[in-house]
């Protein structure tokens, strides 16, 4: 459908292709002879002699319009066209412009060489950025691609690649304008491309801006849209990933009611991730009743919860301190054969720590480590501080050693502080000094709490001299800071 519509782009009939970019110098006999000679060398000579013969055939270089003419003769040899393009760049044979870039981009898109076409688009934008001070290279490249589309026999997704390249280059406004210009011509990019653009708008400009773009690009306010009146009527519909992106953005901004509105607005069947996002929003507000209703609805739809769904519901119950329900879903997860992640265990470790159940926290934490699941620094911190507070300093020290050695984790300052305090309280001053030295090596400077722990420890050992020296050092340090 889109191919047929693309043929409706404004075209002016000319005796031969690429005439929009041809100057008088390209129409003379010498230029045509050069084009024919280069094409002959490229298509008939062996690869070993091809490039040296090419250099001899064009001692004065190749004009961009001549390059474009040559590539049109290589429509069925896209790899050769790409090698020729790269050769002209490396040898400075041709000073390429957007038209010559477009000629190769179209050939690569036509041959479904997606990654090559995408990287060449990125290169064209970067090259144009250096030369265009007052114009937008992506928009200029778009217009050039449009004008040369038909003669190249290209594929519509070339514009999707252009939009993706703009997004990856952090050129959001040109991406939006390109979509608008496509829609004005009755063409819509792929839904996945629109979803990526909506997601980027949501993240950089907020939910309202992303939602407005969603309604505009999917023509949900068609009677109000100028582009709808100008376009040819082709319309693409949002899919589940569209709504997931919008709800995820609402969740990240704490807009739970807005996420619910989008859920009810959904024009397609939600997937497990859709349920997980809305459940996460409910869990964030402690609305576990609503979260469980969603869970039951998902099961009634014969939709199997995935690891994200289980982690979400387990995390929600852990947040409100309902250990029993969290454990039930954890056991159900295991029976369903759904693999656990570090997040699964971390939810449980933290809730056990919060309710003071140190034995259960240790058990779950050890199981997580045994499964080679890397803990977060915050989980390690909660665990270490609980153990040190319960007088189980050695276990806390072992957990830190394991996290650093096995997972290359950087413990938090408070974790080191808890260990130093605990070791000093137990009179293990040499070990405390080693931990403090490691702490400094990680970039954490000793504070008054650390000095106080050492002073108290040495006083309990009767070492008043060392205690006094540390007091003076602490005062000196505080004065300097």
Protein backbone atom coordinates (compact mmCIF):
# COMPACT_ATOMS: atom_id res chain seq x y z
CA UNK A 1 0.00 0.00 0.00
CA UNK A 2 2.69 2.45 1.07
CA UNK A 3 4.71 1.77 -2.09
CA UNK A 4 1.81 2.78 -4.29
CA UNK A 5 1.23 5.93 -2.29
CA UNK A 6 4.88 6.85 -2.41
CA UNK A 7 4.64 6.92 -6.19
CA UNK A 8 2.26 9.82 -5.73
CA UNK A 9 5.06 12.04 -4.43
CA UNK A 10 5.32 15.16 -6.62
CA UNK A 11 7.44 14.19 -9.60
CA UNK A 12 8.40 16.05 -12.75
CA UNK A 13 8.89 13.89 -15.82
CA UNK A 14 12.44 14.04 -17.15
CA UNK A 15 14.22 12.14 -19.92
CA UNK A 16 16.39 10.32 -17.39
CA UNK A 17 16.52 9.75 -13.59
CA UNK A 18 18.14 12.01 -10.99
CA UNK A 19 17.58 15.00 -13.28
CA UNK A 20 16.53 17.05 -10.24
CA UNK A 21 20.17 17.01 -9.19
CA UNK A 22 21.90 17.14 -12.59
CA UNK A 23 23.72 20.23 -13.75
CA UNK A 24 24.77 21.03 -17.27
CA UNK A 25 28.21 19.53 -16.71
CA UNK A 26 26.68 16.13 -16.11
CA UNK A 27 24.71 16.19 -19.33
CA UNK A 28 27.68 16.62 -21.61
CA UNK A 29 29.31 13.81 -23.52
CA UNK A 30 32.41 13.70 -21.33
CA UNK A 31 30.34 13.18 -18.22
CA UNK A 32 28.22 10.46 -19.80
CA UNK A 33 31.36 8.76 -21.09
CA UNK A 34 32.83 8.82 -17.59
CA UNK A 35 29.67 7.29 -16.12
CA UNK A 36 29.60 4.54 -18.73
CA UNK A 37 33.30 3.79 -18.29
CA UNK A 38 33.06 3.56 -14.49
CA UNK A 39 30.00 1.31 -14.68
CA UNK A 40 31.83 -0.95 -17.12
CA UNK A 41 34.87 -1.22 -14.87
CA UNK A 42 32.74 -1.92 -11.79
CA UNK A 43 30.63 -4.60 -13.43
CA UNK A 44 33.15 -6.33 -15.70
CA UNK A 45 36.59 -6.05 -14.14
CA UNK A 46 37.93 -8.37 -11.51
CA UNK A 47 38.10 -7.03 -7.98
CA UNK A 48 41.92 -6.94 -7.95
CA UNK A 49 42.21 -4.66 -10.96
CA UNK A 50 38.91 -2.84 -10.52
CA UNK A 51 39.99 -0.13 -8.08
CA UNK A 52 43.26 0.78 -9.76
CA UNK A 53 41.51 1.03 -13.11
CA UNK A 54 38.82 3.20 -11.54
CA UNK A 55 41.42 5.60 -10.24
CA UNK A 56 42.87 5.93 -13.73
CA UNK A 57 39.41 6.36 -15.26
CA UNK A 58 38.55 9.40 -13.15
CA UNK A 59 41.76 11.40 -12.55
CA UNK A 60 39.73 14.54 -11.84
CA UNK A 61 37.31 12.80 -9.49
CA UNK A 62 33.59 12.15 -9.80
CA UNK A 63 30.84 14.71 -9.28
CA UNK A 64 28.02 13.73 -6.88
CA UNK A 65 25.50 13.76 -9.73
CA UNK A 66 27.73 11.41 -11.73
CA UNK A 67 28.05 9.14 -8.72
CA UNK A 68 24.25 9.02 -8.44
CA UNK A 69 23.99 8.11 -12.12
CA UNK A 70 26.50 5.30 -11.64
CA UNK A 71 24.66 3.83 -8.65
CA UNK A 72 21.44 3.65 -10.66
CA UNK A 73 23.22 1.21 -12.96
CA UNK A 74 24.08 -0.90 -9.88
CA UNK A 75 20.51 -1.40 -8.64
CA UNK A 76 20.94 -5.16 -8.61
CA UNK A 77 24.42 -5.01 -7.11
CA UNK A 78 23.90 -3.16 -3.80
CA UNK A 79 27.02 -4.58 -2.13
CA UNK A 80 29.14 -3.42 -5.05
CA UNK A 81 27.49 0.02 -4.90
CA UNK A 82 28.33 0.24 -1.19
CA UNK A 83 31.96 -0.77 -1.80
CA UNK A 84 32.17 1.82 -4.58
CA UNK A 85 30.77 4.50 -2.26
CA UNK A 86 33.26 3.64 0.49
CA UNK A 87 36.10 3.63 -2.04
CA UNK A 88 35.18 7.10 -3.32
CA UNK A 89 35.19 8.39 0.25
CA UNK A 90 38.46 6.78 1.29
CA UNK A 91 40.20 7.95 -1.88
CA UNK A 92 38.56 11.42 -1.85
CA UNK A 93 37.34 10.76 -5.37
CA UNK A 94 33.91 12.27 -4.75
CA UNK A 95 32.79 15.03 -2.37
CA UNK A 96 29.40 13.55 -1.57
CA UNK A 97 26.25 15.54 -0.99
CA UNK A 98 22.83 14.44 0.27
CA UNK A 99 21.77 13.38 -3.22
CA UNK A 100 24.70 11.00 -3.67
CA UNK A 101 24.22 9.65 -0.16
CA UNK A 102 20.54 9.10 -0.94
CA UNK A 103 21.34 7.12 -4.06
CA UNK A 104 23.24 4.50 -2.06
CA UNK A 105 20.82 4.56 0.88
CA UNK A 106 17.93 3.76 -1.46
CA UNK A 107 19.81 0.88 -3.08
CA UNK A 108 20.63 -0.62 0.32
CA UNK A 109 17.03 -0.22 1.50
CA UNK A 110 15.76 -1.76 -1.73
CA UNK A 111 17.99 -4.80 -1.07
CA UNK A 112 16.83 -4.98 2.59
CA UNK A 113 20.39 -4.33 3.78
CA UNK A 114 18.91 -2.54 6.78
CA UNK A 115 21.94 -2.08 8.99
CA UNK A 116 24.08 -0.73 6.14
CA UNK A 117 21.35 1.71 5.10
CA UNK A 118 20.88 2.86 8.69
CA UNK A 119 24.58 3.50 9.28
CA UNK A 120 24.86 5.41 6.01
CA UNK A 121 21.93 7.61 7.04
CA UNK A 122 23.72 8.35 10.32
CA UNK A 123 26.87 9.20 8.37
CA UNK A 124 24.95 11.51 6.02
CA UNK A 125 23.39 13.38 8.95
CA UNK A 126 26.75 13.80 10.68
CA UNK A 127 28.42 14.98 7.48
CA UNK A 128 25.62 17.47 6.82
CA UNK A 129 25.74 18.72 10.41
CA UNK A 130 29.23 20.03 9.74
CA UNK A 131 28.16 21.96 6.63
CA UNK A 132 24.64 23.16 7.47
CA UNK A 133 24.63 25.98 10.01
CA UNK A 134 21.09 27.28 9.52
CA UNK A 135 19.13 24.31 8.18
CA UNK A 136 18.16 20.89 9.50
CA UNK A 137 20.20 18.08 7.87
CA UNK A 138 17.60 15.37 8.72
CA UNK A 139 14.82 17.36 7.04
CA UNK A 140 17.01 18.08 4.01
CA UNK A 141 17.91 14.40 3.79
CA UNK A 142 14.23 13.51 4.03
CA UNK A 143 13.31 15.79 1.12
CA UNK A 144 16.19 14.38 -0.92
CA UNK A 145 15.12 10.81 -0.18
CA UNK A 146 11.57 11.68 -1.22
CA UNK A 147 12.67 13.25 -4.52
CA UNK A 148 14.90 10.30 -5.44
CA UNK A 149 12.64 7.56 -4.08
CA UNK A 150 10.80 6.58 -7.23
CA UNK A 151 13.77 6.35 -9.60
CA UNK A 152 15.63 4.16 -7.11
CA UNK A 153 12.78 1.71 -6.62
CA UNK A 154 13.38 2.00 -2.89
CA UNK A 155 11.42 0.57 0.04
CA UNK A 156 9.15 2.63 2.35
CA UNK A 157 10.99 1.60 5.50
CA UNK A 158 13.88 3.82 4.40
CA UNK A 159 11.96 6.60 6.16
CA UNK A 160 11.65 4.49 9.29
CA UNK A 161 15.43 4.15 9.26
CA UNK A 162 15.75 7.92 8.90
CA UNK A 163 13.47 8.50 11.90
CA UNK A 164 15.39 5.93 13.94
CA UNK A 165 18.68 7.58 13.01
CA UNK A 166 17.30 10.95 14.12
CA UNK A 167 16.14 9.55 17.45
CA UNK A 168 19.48 7.84 18.04
CA UNK A 169 21.19 11.14 17.20
CA UNK A 170 18.97 12.92 19.77
CA UNK A 171 17.26 14.94 17.04
CA UNK A 172 13.71 14.72 18.35
CA UNK A 173 12.11 17.72 16.60
CA UNK A 174 13.25 16.65 13.10
CA UNK A 175 11.89 13.15 13.82
CA UNK A 176 8.48 14.62 14.62
CA UNK A 177 8.51 16.83 11.54
CA UNK A 178 9.46 13.92 9.27
CA UNK A 179 6.51 11.88 10.54
CA UNK A 180 4.20 14.84 9.99
CA UNK A 181 5.44 15.27 6.43
CA UNK A 182 4.97 11.56 5.76
CA UNK A 183 1.44 11.67 7.16
CA UNK A 184 0.68 14.71 5.04
CA UNK A 185 1.54 12.54 2.01
CA UNK A 186 -0.72 9.74 3.21
CA UNK A 187 2.09 7.53 4.51
CA UNK A 188 2.56 6.28 8.02
CA UNK A 189 5.80 4.87 9.39
CA UNK A 190 5.73 1.48 11.05
CA UNK A 191 3.92 1.26 14.38
CA UNK A 192 7.18 0.27 16.05
CA UNK A 193 8.79 3.48 14.75
CA UNK A 194 5.94 5.61 16.05
CA UNK A 195 6.13 3.80 19.40
CA UNK A 196 9.83 4.60 19.70
CA UNK A 197 9.14 8.25 18.93
CA UNK A 198 6.25 8.46 21.41
CA UNK A 199 8.41 6.83 24.08
CA UNK A 200 11.23 9.32 23.47
CA UNK A 201 8.83 12.27 23.66
CA UNK A 202 7.34 10.93 26.89
CA UNK A 203 10.75 10.54 28.50
CA UNK A 204 12.16 13.89 27.44
CA UNK A 205 9.08 16.12 27.48
CA UNK A 206 6.59 14.42 29.77
CA UNK A 207 3.38 12.44 29.54
CA UNK A 208 1.21 15.25 28.14
CA UNK A 209 3.55 15.85 25.19
CA UNK A 210 3.86 12.12 24.49
CA UNK A 211 0.10 11.62 24.70
CA UNK A 212 -0.52 14.53 22.31
CA UNK A 213 1.92 13.04 19.78
CA UNK A 214 0.23 9.64 20.16
CA UNK A 215 -3.19 11.09 19.33
CA UNK A 216 -1.81 13.15 16.45
CA UNK A 217 0.20 10.41 14.77
CA UNK A 218 -2.51 7.77 15.08
CA UNK A 219 -5.09 10.36 13.94
CA UNK A 220 -7.38 9.87 16.91
CA UNK A 221 -8.60 13.48 16.57
CA UNK A 222 -8.90 13.19 12.81
CA UNK A 223 -11.59 15.79 12.30
CA UNK A 224 -9.34 18.37 13.96
CA UNK A 225 -6.14 17.46 12.16
CA UNK A 226 -4.96 19.37 9.13
CA UNK A 227 -2.70 16.52 8.09
CA UNK A 228 -5.72 14.21 7.95
CA UNK A 229 -7.47 16.53 5.51
CA UNK A 230 -4.38 16.76 3.34
CA UNK A 231 -3.44 13.07 3.49
CA UNK A 232 -4.69 10.20 1.36
CA UNK A 233 -6.49 8.45 4.22
CA UNK A 234 -3.98 5.69 5.04
CA UNK A 235 -4.10 5.12 8.77
CA UNK A 236 -2.13 2.86 11.07
CA UNK A 237 -3.56 1.78 14.42
CA UNK A 238 -1.73 1.65 17.76
CA UNK A 239 -0.75 -1.74 19.14
CA UNK A 240 -0.30 -3.02 22.66
CA UNK A 241 3.28 -1.72 22.81
CA UNK A 242 1.99 1.80 22.13
CA UNK A 243 -0.21 1.71 25.21
CA UNK A 244 2.48 -0.01 27.27
CA UNK A 245 4.87 2.85 26.56
CA UNK A 246 2.29 5.46 27.54
CA UNK A 247 1.32 3.64 30.74
CA UNK A 248 4.97 3.08 31.64
CA UNK A 249 5.65 6.79 31.29
CA UNK A 250 2.63 7.58 33.51
CA UNK A 251 3.87 5.09 36.09
CA UNK A 252 7.36 6.60 36.12
CA UNK A 253 5.86 10.04 36.72
CA UNK A 254 3.53 8.77 39.46
CA UNK A 255 0.40 9.45 37.38
CA UNK A 256 -1.56 6.34 38.33
CA UNK A 257 -5.00 7.68 37.39
CA UNK A 258 -3.67 8.70 33.98
CA UNK A 259 -2.30 5.18 33.51
CA UNK A 260 -5.76 3.80 34.30
CA UNK A 261 -7.32 6.12 31.71
CA UNK A 262 -4.95 4.87 29.03
CA UNK A 263 -5.70 1.28 30.10
CA UNK A 264 -9.42 1.85 29.49
CA UNK A 265 -8.63 3.64 26.23
CA UNK A 266 -6.73 0.61 24.89
CA UNK A 267 -8.10 -0.53 21.53
CA UNK A 268 -6.37 -3.91 21.58
CA UNK A 269 -5.92 -6.83 23.94
CA UNK A 270 -3.40 -6.15 26.70
CA UNK A 271 -0.45 -8.50 27.20
CA UNK A 272 1.24 -9.65 30.40
CA UNK A 273 3.49 -6.61 30.39
CA UNK A 274 0.46 -4.30 30.19
CA UNK A 275 -0.94 -5.89 33.33
CA UNK A 276 2.46 -5.66 35.02
CA UNK A 277 2.78 -1.92 34.36
CA UNK A 278 -0.66 -1.09 35.74
CA UNK A 279 -0.14 -3.46 38.67
CA UNK A 280 3.17 -1.71 39.40
CA UNK A 281 1.34 1.62 39.44
CA UNK A 282 -1.22 0.24 41.91
CA UNK A 283 1.52 -1.33 44.04
CA UNK A 284 3.38 1.98 44.16
CA UNK A 285 0.34 3.50 45.87
CA UNK A 286 -0.27 0.47 48.07
CA UNK A 287 -3.50 -0.39 46.25
CA UNK A 288 -2.93 -4.13 46.53
CA UNK A 289 -6.63 -4.90 46.26
CA UNK A 290 -6.74 -3.35 42.79
CA UNK A 291 -3.46 -5.07 41.92
CA UNK A 292 -4.88 -8.48 42.87
CA UNK A 293 -8.01 -7.83 40.81
CA UNK A 294 -5.79 -7.20 37.79
CA UNK A 295 -3.86 -10.39 38.59
CA UNK A 296 -7.09 -12.41 38.64
CA UNK A 297 -8.27 -10.76 35.42
CA UNK A 298 -5.00 -11.72 33.77
CA UNK A 299 -5.40 -15.33 34.88
CA UNK A 300 -9.04 -15.40 33.72
CA UNK A 301 -7.81 -14.29 30.30
CA UNK A 302 -5.63 -17.43 30.35
CA UNK A 303 -2.58 -15.21 30.25
CA UNK A 304 0.36 -16.73 32.12
CA UNK A 305 2.17 -14.26 34.39
CA UNK A 306 5.83 -13.79 33.56
CA UNK A 307 8.76 -12.90 35.80
CA UNK A 308 7.93 -9.19 35.58
CA UNK A 309 4.36 -9.86 36.73
CA UNK A 310 5.48 -11.97 39.69
CA UNK A 311 8.19 -9.52 40.72
CA UNK A 312 5.66 -6.70 40.58
CA UNK A 313 3.06 -8.37 42.79
CA UNK A 314 5.67 -9.74 45.21
CA UNK A 315 7.28 -6.30 45.46
CA UNK A 316 3.90 -4.71 46.11
CA UNK A 317 3.11 -6.96 49.07
CA UNK A 318 6.63 -6.54 50.41
CA UNK A 319 6.22 -2.77 50.27
CA UNK A 320 3.17 -2.86 52.56
CA UNK A 321 4.85 -5.43 54.82
CA UNK A 322 2.52 -8.34 53.98
CA UNK A 323 5.18 -11.05 54.18
CA UNK A 324 2.68 -13.90 54.03
CA UNK A 325 1.15 -12.90 50.68
CA UNK A 326 4.58 -12.16 49.23
CA UNK A 327 5.74 -15.66 50.21
CA UNK A 328 2.61 -17.20 48.66
CA UNK A 329 3.32 -15.61 45.30
CA UNK A 330 7.00 -16.56 45.59
CA UNK A 331 6.05 -20.21 46.07
CA UNK A 332 3.52 -20.01 43.23
CA UNK A 333 6.24 -18.56 41.02
CA UNK A 334 8.49 -21.55 41.71
CA UNK A 335 5.66 -24.06 41.08
CA UNK A 336 4.83 -22.32 37.78
CA UNK A 337 8.43 -22.77 36.66
CA UNK A 338 8.99 -19.03 36.26
CA UNK A 339 12.65 -18.21 36.79
CA UNK A 340 13.49 -15.81 39.60
CA UNK A 341 15.70 -12.75 39.25
CA UNK A 342 17.75 -10.70 41.69
CA UNK A 343 14.75 -8.38 42.11
CA UNK A 344 12.60 -11.28 43.30
CA UNK A 345 14.96 -12.07 46.14
CA UNK A 346 15.71 -8.45 46.94
CA UNK A 347 12.04 -7.73 47.58
CA UNK A 348 11.95 -10.56 50.11
CA UNK A 349 15.29 -9.72 51.74
CA UNK A 350 14.22 -6.13 52.33
CA UNK A 351 10.83 -7.00 53.77
CA UNK A 352 12.39 -9.54 56.16
CA UNK A 353 14.90 -6.90 57.22
CA UNK A 354 12.14 -4.34 57.71
CA UNK A 355 10.20 -6.67 60.02
CA UNK A 356 13.39 -7.71 61.83
CA UNK A 357 13.34 -11.36 60.68
CA UNK A 358 17.11 -11.62 60.29
CA UNK A 359 17.22 -15.43 59.91
CA UNK A 360 14.80 -15.44 56.96
CA UNK A 361 16.65 -12.50 55.39
CA UNK A 362 19.97 -14.36 55.67
CA UNK A 363 18.45 -17.53 54.22
CA UNK A 364 17.01 -15.75 51.19
CA UNK A 365 20.14 -13.66 50.67
CA UNK A 366 22.37 -16.76 50.71
CA UNK A 367 20.07 -18.49 48.24
CA UNK A 368 20.29 -15.47 45.92
CA UNK A 369 24.10 -15.48 46.12
CA UNK A 370 24.22 -19.23 45.54
CA UNK A 371 22.26 -18.73 42.31
CA UNK A 372 24.84 -16.13 41.18
CA UNK A 373 22.25 -13.35 41.23
CA UNK A 374 24.00 -10.02 41.79
CA UNK A 375 22.50 -8.03 44.67
CA UNK A 376 21.95 -4.31 44.54
CA UNK A 377 24.09 -2.14 46.82
CA UNK A 378 20.94 -1.05 48.67
CA UNK A 379 20.01 -4.67 49.44
CA UNK A 380 23.51 -5.43 50.70
CA UNK A 381 23.37 -2.29 52.83
CA UNK A 382 20.07 -3.25 54.47
CA UNK A 383 21.39 -6.75 55.10
CA UNK A 384 24.74 -5.67 56.59
CA UNK A 385 23.25 -3.03 58.85
CA UNK A 386 20.65 -5.46 60.18
CA UNK A 387 23.28 -8.12 60.90
CA UNK A 388 25.61 -5.64 62.61
CA UNK A 389 22.70 -4.32 64.64
CA UNK A 390 21.96 -7.86 65.79
CA UNK A 391 25.59 -8.47 66.77
CA UNK A 392 26.28 -10.74 63.78
CA UNK A 393 29.13 -8.63 62.45
CA UNK A 394 31.12 -11.55 61.04
CA UNK A 395 28.25 -12.57 58.76
CA UNK A 396 27.91 -8.99 57.56
CA UNK A 397 31.63 -8.87 56.82
CA UNK A 398 31.40 -12.14 54.87
CA UNK A 399 28.49 -10.78 52.80
CA UNK A 400 30.50 -7.67 51.90
CA UNK A 401 33.58 -9.73 51.00
CA UNK A 402 31.44 -11.98 48.79
CA UNK A 403 29.68 -9.06 47.06
CA UNK A 404 32.98 -7.32 46.33
CA UNK A 405 34.90 -10.42 45.29
CA UNK A 406 32.20 -12.32 43.43
CA UNK A 407 30.10 -9.52 41.92
CA UNK A 408 32.55 -6.58 41.90
CA UNK A 409 29.94 -4.61 43.86
CA UNK A 410 30.74 -1.26 45.47
CA UNK A 411 29.20 -1.31 48.96
CA UNK A 412 27.65 1.85 50.32
CA UNK A 413 29.37 4.08 52.84
CA UNK A 414 26.80 3.16 55.52
CA UNK A 415 27.63 -0.54 55.04
CA UNK A 416 31.30 0.10 55.83
CA UNK A 417 30.32 2.34 58.70
CA UNK A 418 28.16 -0.40 60.24
CA UNK A 419 31.02 -2.93 59.93
CA UNK A 420 33.60 -0.61 61.50
CA UNK A 421 31.27 0.20 64.39
CA UNK A 422 30.46 -3.47 64.92
CA UNK A 423 34.09 -4.60 64.81
CA UNK A 424 35.19 -1.81 67.18
CA UNK A 425 32.40 -2.71 69.60
CA UNK A 426 33.63 -6.32 69.61
CA UNK A 427 37.20 -5.12 70.18
CA UNK A 428 38.46 -6.36 66.81
CA UNK A 429 40.43 -3.18 66.19
CA UNK A 430 42.91 -4.57 63.66
CA UNK A 431 40.10 -5.87 61.47
CA UNK A 432 38.26 -2.57 61.87
CA UNK A 433 41.34 -0.72 60.65
CA UNK A 434 41.54 -2.96 57.57
CA UNK A 435 37.87 -2.32 56.76
CA UNK A 436 38.39 1.41 57.27
CA UNK A 437 41.41 1.34 54.92
CA UNK A 438 39.32 -0.49 52.31
CA UNK A 439 36.60 2.11 52.82
CA UNK A 440 39.05 4.94 52.09
CA UNK A 441 40.29 3.03 49.04
CA UNK A 442 36.72 3.03 47.72
CA UNK A 443 36.58 6.81 48.02
CA UNK A 444 34.79 7.14 51.38
CA UNK A 445 36.49 9.39 53.93
CA UNK A 446 36.15 8.61 57.66
CA UNK A 447 33.52 10.75 59.39
CA UNK A 448 32.81 11.54 63.03
CA UNK A 449 30.87 8.27 63.42
CA UNK A 450 33.91 6.25 62.32
CA UNK A 451 36.30 8.22 64.56
CA UNK A 452 33.87 7.84 67.45
CA UNK A 453 33.70 4.06 67.00
CA UNK A 454 37.51 3.76 67.07
CA UNK A 455 37.81 6.07 70.07
CA UNK A 456 35.23 4.05 72.02
CA UNK A 457 36.89 0.78 71.00
CA UNK A 458 40.35 1.84 72.14
CA UNK A 459 38.95 3.23 75.42
CA UNK A 460 37.32 -0.14 76.15
CA UNK A 461 40.72 -1.75 75.58
CA UNK A 462 42.33 0.77 77.93
CA UNK A 463 44.37 2.38 75.16
CA UNK A 464 43.81 6.01 76.16
CA UNK A 465 46.83 7.18 74.18
CA UNK A 466 45.44 5.95 70.84
CA UNK A 467 41.98 7.26 71.72
CA UNK A 468 43.34 10.73 72.42
CA UNK A 469 45.39 10.72 69.21
CA UNK A 470 42.26 9.88 67.21
CA UNK A 471 40.29 12.64 68.93
CA UNK A 472 42.90 15.18 67.90
CA UNK A 473 43.00 13.82 64.34
CA UNK A 474 39.19 14.02 64.15
CA UNK A 475 39.19 17.66 65.32
CA UNK A 476 41.94 18.54 62.86
CA UNK A 477 40.07 16.90 60.03
CA UNK A 478 36.83 18.72 60.92
CA UNK A 479 38.68 22.04 61.09
CA UNK A 480 40.25 21.55 57.65
CA UNK A 481 36.93 20.63 56.09
